[in-house]
């Protein structure tokens, strides 16, 4: 096979192996951050609530 030839089947097989890869088991008592929490979602929700409170205050002051 020449260096200029591209094998799409080879890269597809490597991609499938990467996608099908399962996370390694962890020792008991260790911290697992894979799919845990909701830290980013919680921050976004808190920012949205704060923005609504500020918007509500501005509207209340404008109507008053």
PDB file of N, CA and C in Angstrom:
ATOM      1  N   UNK A   1       0.844  -1.167   0.000  1.00  0.00           N
ATOM      2  CA  UNK A   1       0.000   0.000   0.000  1.00  0.00           C
ATOM      3  C   UNK A   1       0.894   1.236   0.000  1.00  0.00           C
ATOM      4  N   UNK A   2       0.625   2.162  -0.895  1.00  0.00           N
ATOM      5  CA  UNK A   2       1.438   3.370  -1.000  1.00  0.00           C
ATOM      6  C   UNK A   2       1.092   4.354   0.112  1.00  0.00           C
ATOM      7  N   UNK A   3       1.992   5.285   0.353  1.00  0.00           N
ATOM      8  CA  UNK A   3       1.771   6.278   1.399  1.00  0.00           C
ATOM      9  C   UNK A   3       0.626   7.220   1.067  1.00  0.00           C
ATOM     10  N   UNK A   4       0.330   7.418  -0.205  1.00  0.00           N
ATOM     11  CA  UNK A   4      -0.705   8.362  -0.617  1.00  0.00           C
ATOM     12  C   UNK A   4      -2.109   7.770  -0.518  1.00  0.00           C
ATOM     13  N   UNK A   5      -2.216   6.471  -0.328  1.00  0.00           N
ATOM     14  CA  UNK A   5      -3.539   5.846  -0.250  1.00  0.00           C
ATOM     15  C   UNK A   5      -4.137   6.095   1.130  1.00  0.00           C
ATOM     16  N   UNK A   6      -5.439   6.376   1.137  1.00  0.00           N
ATOM     17  CA  UNK A   6      -6.158   6.627   2.379  1.00  0.00           C
ATOM     18  C   UNK A   6      -7.137   5.489   2.598  1.00  0.00           C
ATOM     19  N   UNK A   7      -7.137   4.910   3.763  1.00  0.00           N
ATOM     20  CA  UNK A   7      -8.010   3.788   4.074  1.00  0.00           C
ATOM     21  C   UNK A   7      -9.145   4.258   4.985  1.00  0.00           C
ATOM     22  N   UNK A   8     -10.316   4.603   4.414  1.00  0.00           N
ATOM     23  CA  UNK A   8     -11.409   5.084   5.256  1.00  0.00           C
ATOM     24  C   UNK A   8     -11.934   4.011   6.203  1.00  0.00           C
ATOM     25  N   UNK A   9     -11.839   2.759   5.823  1.00  0.00           N
ATOM     26  CA  UNK A   9     -12.325   1.689   6.700  1.00  0.00           C
ATOM     27  C   UNK A   9     -11.478   1.610   7.963  1.00  0.00           C
ATOM     28  N   UNK A  10     -10.204   1.863   7.854  1.00  0.00           N
ATOM     29  CA  UNK A  10      -9.326   1.811   9.012  1.00  0.00           C
ATOM     30  C   UNK A  10      -9.668   2.892  10.019  1.00  0.00           C
ATOM     31  N   UNK A  11      -9.923   4.108   9.537  1.00  0.00           N
ATOM     32  CA  UNK A  11     -10.248   5.182  10.467  1.00  0.00           C
ATOM     33  C   UNK A  11     -11.639   4.969  11.061  1.00  0.00           C
ATOM     34  N   UNK A  12     -12.551   4.377  10.300  1.00  0.00           N
ATOM     35  CA  UNK A  12     -13.890   4.084  10.818  1.00  0.00           C
ATOM     36  C   UNK A  12     -13.802   3.059  11.938  1.00  0.00           C
ATOM     37  N   UNK A  13     -12.967   2.047  11.760  1.00  0.00           N
ATOM     38  CA  UNK A  13     -12.805   1.035  12.793  1.00  0.00           C
ATOM     39  C   UNK A  13     -12.202   1.636  14.049  1.00  0.00           C
ATOM     40  N   UNK A  14     -11.245   2.534  13.897  1.00  0.00           N
ATOM     41  CA  UNK A  14     -10.641   3.177  15.073  1.00  0.00           C
ATOM     42  C   UNK A  14     -11.665   4.070  15.775  1.00  0.00           C
ATOM     43  N   UNK A  15     -12.507   4.772  14.990  1.00  0.00           N
ATOM     44  CA  UNK A  15     -13.528   5.627  15.597  1.00  0.00           C
ATOM     45  C   UNK A  15     -14.540   4.785  16.363  1.00  0.00           C
ATOM     46  N   UNK A  16     -14.983   3.690  15.776  1.00  0.00           N
ATOM     47  CA  UNK A  16     -15.940   2.827  16.471  1.00  0.00           C
ATOM     48  C   UNK A  16     -15.340   2.249  17.745  1.00  0.00           C
ATOM     49  N   UNK A  17     -14.082   1.892  17.707  1.00  0.00           N
ATOM     50  CA  UNK A  17     -13.429   1.376  18.919  1.00  0.00           C
ATOM     51  C   UNK A  17     -13.373   2.460  19.986  1.00  0.00           C
ATOM     52  N   UNK A  18     -13.141   3.706  19.565  1.00  0.00           N
ATOM     53  CA  UNK A  18     -13.109   4.815  20.526  1.00  0.00           C
ATOM     54  C   UNK A  18     -14.488   5.051  21.129  1.00  0.00           C
ATOM     55  N   UNK A  19     -15.539   5.024  20.312  1.00  0.00           N
ATOM     56  CA  UNK A  19     -16.894   5.287  20.793  1.00  0.00           C
ATOM     57  C   UNK A  19     -17.381   4.160  21.697  1.00  0.00           C
ATOM     58  N   UNK A  20     -17.056   2.931  21.349  1.00  0.00           N
ATOM     59  CA  UNK A  20     -17.514   1.790  22.128  1.00  0.00           C
ATOM     60  C   UNK A  20     -16.699   1.567  23.404  1.00  0.00           C
ATOM     61  N   UNK A  21     -15.647   2.341  23.579  1.00  0.00           N
ATOM     62  CA  UNK A  21     -14.781   2.175  24.744  1.00  0.00           C
ATOM     63  C   UNK A  21     -15.543   2.533  26.020  1.00  0.00           C
ATOM     64  N   UNK A  22     -15.476   1.677  27.005  1.00  0.00           N
ATOM     65  CA  UNK A  22     -16.151   1.938  28.278  1.00  0.00           C
ATOM     66  C   UNK A  22     -15.159   2.538  29.260  1.00  0.00           C
ATOM     67  N   UNK A  23     -15.616   3.391  30.175  1.00  0.00           N
ATOM     68  CA  UNK A  23     -14.690   3.955  31.152  1.00  0.00           C
ATOM     69  C   UNK A  23     -14.100   2.869  32.048  1.00  0.00           C
ATOM     70  N   UNK A  24     -12.877   3.067  32.451  1.00  0.00           N
ATOM     71  CA  UNK A  24     -12.206   2.096  33.311  1.00  0.00           C
ATOM     72  C   UNK A  24     -12.860   2.081  34.691  1.00  0.00           C
ATOM     73  N   UNK A  25     -12.990   0.917  35.304  1.00  0.00           N
ATOM     74  CA  UNK A  25     -13.574   0.864  36.646  1.00  0.00           C
ATOM     75  C   UNK A  25     -12.667   1.588  37.646  1.00  0.00           C
ATOM     76  N   UNK A  26     -13.297   2.220  38.635  1.00  0.00           N
ATOM     77  CA  UNK A  26     -12.530   2.963  39.619  1.00  0.00           C
ATOM     78  C   UNK A  26     -12.503   2.228  40.945  1.00  0.00           C
ATOM     79  N   UNK A  27     -11.520   2.572  41.725  1.00  0.00           N
ATOM     80  CA  UNK A  27     -11.390   1.976  43.044  1.00  0.00           C
ATOM     81  C   UNK A  27     -12.502   2.494  43.957  1.00  0.00           C
ATOM     82  N   UNK A  28     -12.958   1.671  44.899  1.00  0.00           N
ATOM     83  CA  UNK A  28     -13.989   2.136  45.823  1.00  0.00           C
ATOM     84  C   UNK A  28     -13.527   3.349  46.619  1.00  0.00           C
ATOM     85  N   UNK A  29     -14.424   4.306  46.780  1.00  0.00           N
ATOM     86  CA  UNK A  29     -14.106   5.505  47.540  1.00  0.00           C
ATOM     87  C   UNK A  29     -13.463   6.605  46.724  1.00  0.00           C
ATOM     88  N   UNK A  30     -13.173   6.346  45.439  1.00  0.00           N
ATOM     89  CA  UNK A  30     -12.572   7.395  44.621  1.00  0.00           C
ATOM     90  C   UNK A  30     -13.661   8.296  44.054  1.00  0.00           C
ATOM     91  N   UNK A  31     -13.271   9.479  43.678  1.00  0.00           N
ATOM     92  CA  UNK A  31     -14.225  10.456  43.167  1.00  0.00           C
ATOM     93  C   UNK A  31     -14.473  10.187  41.695  1.00  0.00           C
ATOM     94  N   UNK A  32     -15.738  10.128  41.313  1.00  0.00           N
ATOM     95  CA  UNK A  32     -16.107   9.907  39.925  1.00  0.00           C
ATOM     96  C   UNK A  32     -16.741  11.177  39.387  1.00  0.00           C
ATOM     97  N   UNK A  33     -16.078  11.826  38.421  1.00  0.00           N
ATOM     98  CA  UNK A  33     -16.620  13.043  37.836  1.00  0.00           C
ATOM     99  C   UNK A  33     -17.258  12.777  36.484  1.00  0.00           C
ATOM    100  N   UNK A  34     -17.212  11.548  36.010  1.00  0.00           N
ATOM    101  CA  UNK A  34     -17.766  11.220  34.704  1.00  0.00           C
ATOM    102  C   UNK A  34     -19.286  11.192  34.792  1.00  0.00           C
ATOM    103  N   UNK A  35     -19.943  12.191  34.221  1.00  0.00           N
ATOM    104  CA  UNK A  35     -21.401  12.233  34.206  1.00  0.00           C
ATOM    105  C   UNK A  35     -22.017  12.535  35.555  1.00  0.00           C
ATOM    106  N   UNK A  36     -21.245  13.029  36.490  1.00  0.00           N
ATOM    107  CA  UNK A  36     -21.771  13.260  37.830  1.00  0.00           C
ATOM    108  C   UNK A  36     -22.179  14.711  37.997  1.00  0.00           C
ATOM    109  N   UNK A  37     -23.035  14.943  38.955  1.00  0.00           N
ATOM    110  CA  UNK A  37     -23.358  16.300  39.357  1.00  0.00           C
ATOM    111  C   UNK A  37     -24.350  16.989  38.460  1.00  0.00           C
ATOM    112  N   UNK A  38     -23.956  17.981  37.834  1.00  0.00           N
ATOM    113  CA  UNK A  38     -24.787  18.877  37.089  1.00  0.00           C
ATOM    114  C   UNK A  38     -24.290  20.269  37.400  1.00  0.00           C
ATOM    115  N   UNK A  39     -22.992  20.385  37.613  1.00  0.00           N
ATOM    116  CA  UNK A  39     -22.397  21.646  37.999  1.00  0.00           C
ATOM    117  C   UNK A  39     -22.645  22.745  36.992  1.00  0.00           C
ATOM    118  N   UNK A  40     -22.426  22.448  35.734  1.00  0.00           N
ATOM    119  CA  UNK A  40     -22.622  23.465  34.708  1.00  0.00           C
ATOM    120  C   UNK A  40     -24.092  23.793  34.567  1.00  0.00           C
ATOM    121  N   UNK A  41     -24.949  22.800  34.602  1.00  0.00           N
ATOM    122  CA  UNK A  41     -26.382  23.024  34.491  1.00  0.00           C
ATOM    123  C   UNK A  41     -26.885  23.836  35.674  1.00  0.00           C
ATOM    124  N   UNK A  42     -26.393  23.552  36.842  1.00  0.00           N
ATOM    125  CA  UNK A  42     -26.779  24.302  38.032  1.00  0.00           C
ATOM    126  C   UNK A  42     -26.366  25.764  37.955  1.00  0.00           C
ATOM    127  N   UNK A  43     -25.160  26.002  37.425  1.00  0.00           N
ATOM    128  CA  UNK A  43     -24.686  27.380  37.284  1.00  0.00           C
ATOM    129  C   UNK A  43     -25.545  28.145  36.282  1.00  0.00           C
ATOM    130  N   UNK A  44     -25.876  27.498  35.183  1.00  0.00           N
ATOM    131  CA  UNK A  44     -26.710  28.139  34.167  1.00  0.00           C
ATOM    132  C   UNK A  44     -28.087  28.453  34.740  1.00  0.00           C
ATOM    133  N   UNK A  45     -28.658  27.527  35.499  1.00  0.00           N
ATOM    134  CA  UNK A  45     -29.969  27.752  36.103  1.00  0.00           C
ATOM    135  C   UNK A  45     -29.905  28.901  37.103  1.00  0.00           C
ATOM    136  N   UNK A  46     -28.851  28.977  37.898  1.00  0.00           N
ATOM    137  CA  UNK A  46     -28.715  30.059  38.872  1.00  0.00           C
ATOM    138  C   UNK A  46     -28.582  31.409  38.177  1.00  0.00           C
ATOM    139  N   UNK A  47     -27.832  31.465  37.099  1.00  0.00           N
ATOM    140  CA  UNK A  47     -27.682  32.708  36.341  1.00  0.00           C
ATOM    141  C   UNK A  47     -29.010  33.121  35.726  1.00  0.00           C
ATOM    142  N   UNK A  48     -29.772  32.153  35.211  1.00  0.00           N
ATOM    143  CA  UNK A  48     -31.074  32.455  34.618  1.00  0.00           C
ATOM    144  C   UNK A  48     -32.034  33.006  35.675  1.00  0.00           C
ATOM    145  N   UNK A  49     -32.048  32.402  36.851  1.00  0.00           N
ATOM    146  CA  UNK A  49     -32.923  32.882  37.929  1.00  0.00           C
ATOM    147  C   UNK A  49     -32.511  34.286  38.358  1.00  0.00           C
ATOM    148  N   UNK A  50     -31.218  34.522  38.490  1.00  0.00           N
ATOM    149  CA  UNK A  50     -30.734  35.850  38.883  1.00  0.00           C
ATOM    150  C   UNK A  50     -31.114  36.890  37.826  1.00  0.00           C
ATOM    151  N   UNK A  51     -30.997  36.534  36.543  1.00  0.00           N
ATOM    152  CA  UNK A  51     -31.367  37.462  35.474  1.00  0.00           C
ATOM    153  C   UNK A  51     -32.861  37.776  35.520  1.00  0.00           C
ATOM    154  N   UNK A  52     -33.686  36.789  35.808  1.00  0.00           N
ATOM    155  CA  UNK A  52     -35.126  37.027  35.916  1.00  0.00           C
ATOM    156  C   UNK A  52     -35.456  37.921  37.098  1.00  0.00           C
ATOM    157  N   UNK A  53     -34.760  37.748  38.210  1.00  0.00           N
ATOM    158  CA  UNK A  53     -34.991  38.596  39.386  1.00  0.00           C
ATOM    159  C   UNK A  53     -34.615  40.040  39.060  1.00  0.00           C
ATOM    160  N   UNK A  54     -33.475  40.242  38.425  1.00  0.00           N
ATOM    161  CA  UNK A  54     -33.042  41.593  38.065  1.00  0.00           C
ATOM    162  C   UNK A  54     -34.019  42.209  37.065  1.00  0.00           C
ATOM    163  N   UNK A  55     -34.431  41.438  36.068  1.00  0.00           N
ATOM    164  CA  UNK A  55     -35.390  41.931  35.084  1.00  0.00           C
ATOM    165  C   UNK A  55     -36.708  42.289  35.747  1.00  0.00           C
ATOM    166  N   UNK A  56     -37.166  41.477  36.657  1.00  0.00           N
ATOM    167  CA  UNK A  56     -38.392  41.764  37.389  1.00  0.00           C
ATOM    168  C   UNK A  56     -38.279  43.040  38.203  1.00  0.00           C
ATOM    169  N   UNK A  57     -37.141  43.257  38.851  1.00  0.00           N
ATOM    170  CA  UNK A  57     -36.924  44.468  39.642  1.00  0.00           C
ATOM    171  C   UNK A  57     -36.925  45.703  38.761  1.00  0.00           C
ATOM    172  N   UNK A  58     -36.291  45.599  37.596  1.00  0.00           N
ATOM    173  CA  UNK A  58     -36.247  46.736  36.663  1.00  0.00           C
ATOM    174  C   UNK A  58     -37.659  47.059  36.159  1.00  0.00           C
ATOM    175  N   UNK A  59     -38.423  46.066  35.820  1.00  0.00           N
ATOM    176  CA  UNK A  59     -39.797  46.289  35.357  1.00  0.00           C
ATOM    177  C   UNK A  59     -40.646  46.882  36.491  1.00  0.00           C
ATOM    178  N   UNK A  60     -40.476  46.374  37.692  1.00  0.00           N
ATOM    179  CA  UNK A  60     -41.247  46.869  38.833  1.00  0.00           C
ATOM    180  C   UNK A  60     -40.934  48.338  39.103  1.00  0.00           C
ATOM    181  N   UNK A  61     -39.650  48.693  39.024  1.00  0.00           N
ATOM    182  CA  UNK A  61     -39.258  50.086  39.226  1.00  0.00           C
ATOM    183  C   UNK A  61     -39.745  50.975  38.098  1.00  0.00           C
ATOM    184  N   UNK A  62     -39.781  50.474  36.868  1.00  0.00           N
ATOM    185  CA  UNK A  62     -40.246  51.259  35.726  1.00  0.00           C
ATOM    186  C   UNK A  62     -41.745  51.523  35.812  1.00  0.00           C
ATOM    187  N   UNK A  63     -42.515  50.564  36.291  1.00  0.00           N
ATOM    188  CA  UNK A  63     -43.965  50.710  36.398  1.00  0.00           C
ATOM    189  C   UNK A  63     -44.328  51.571  37.598  1.00  0.00           C
ATOM    190  N   UNK A  64     -43.534  51.498  38.626  1.00  0.00           N
ATOM    191  CA  UNK A  64     -43.807  52.223  39.878  1.00  0.00           C
ATOM    192  C   UNK A  64     -43.724  53.674  39.659  1.00  0.00           C
TER     193      UNK A  64
END
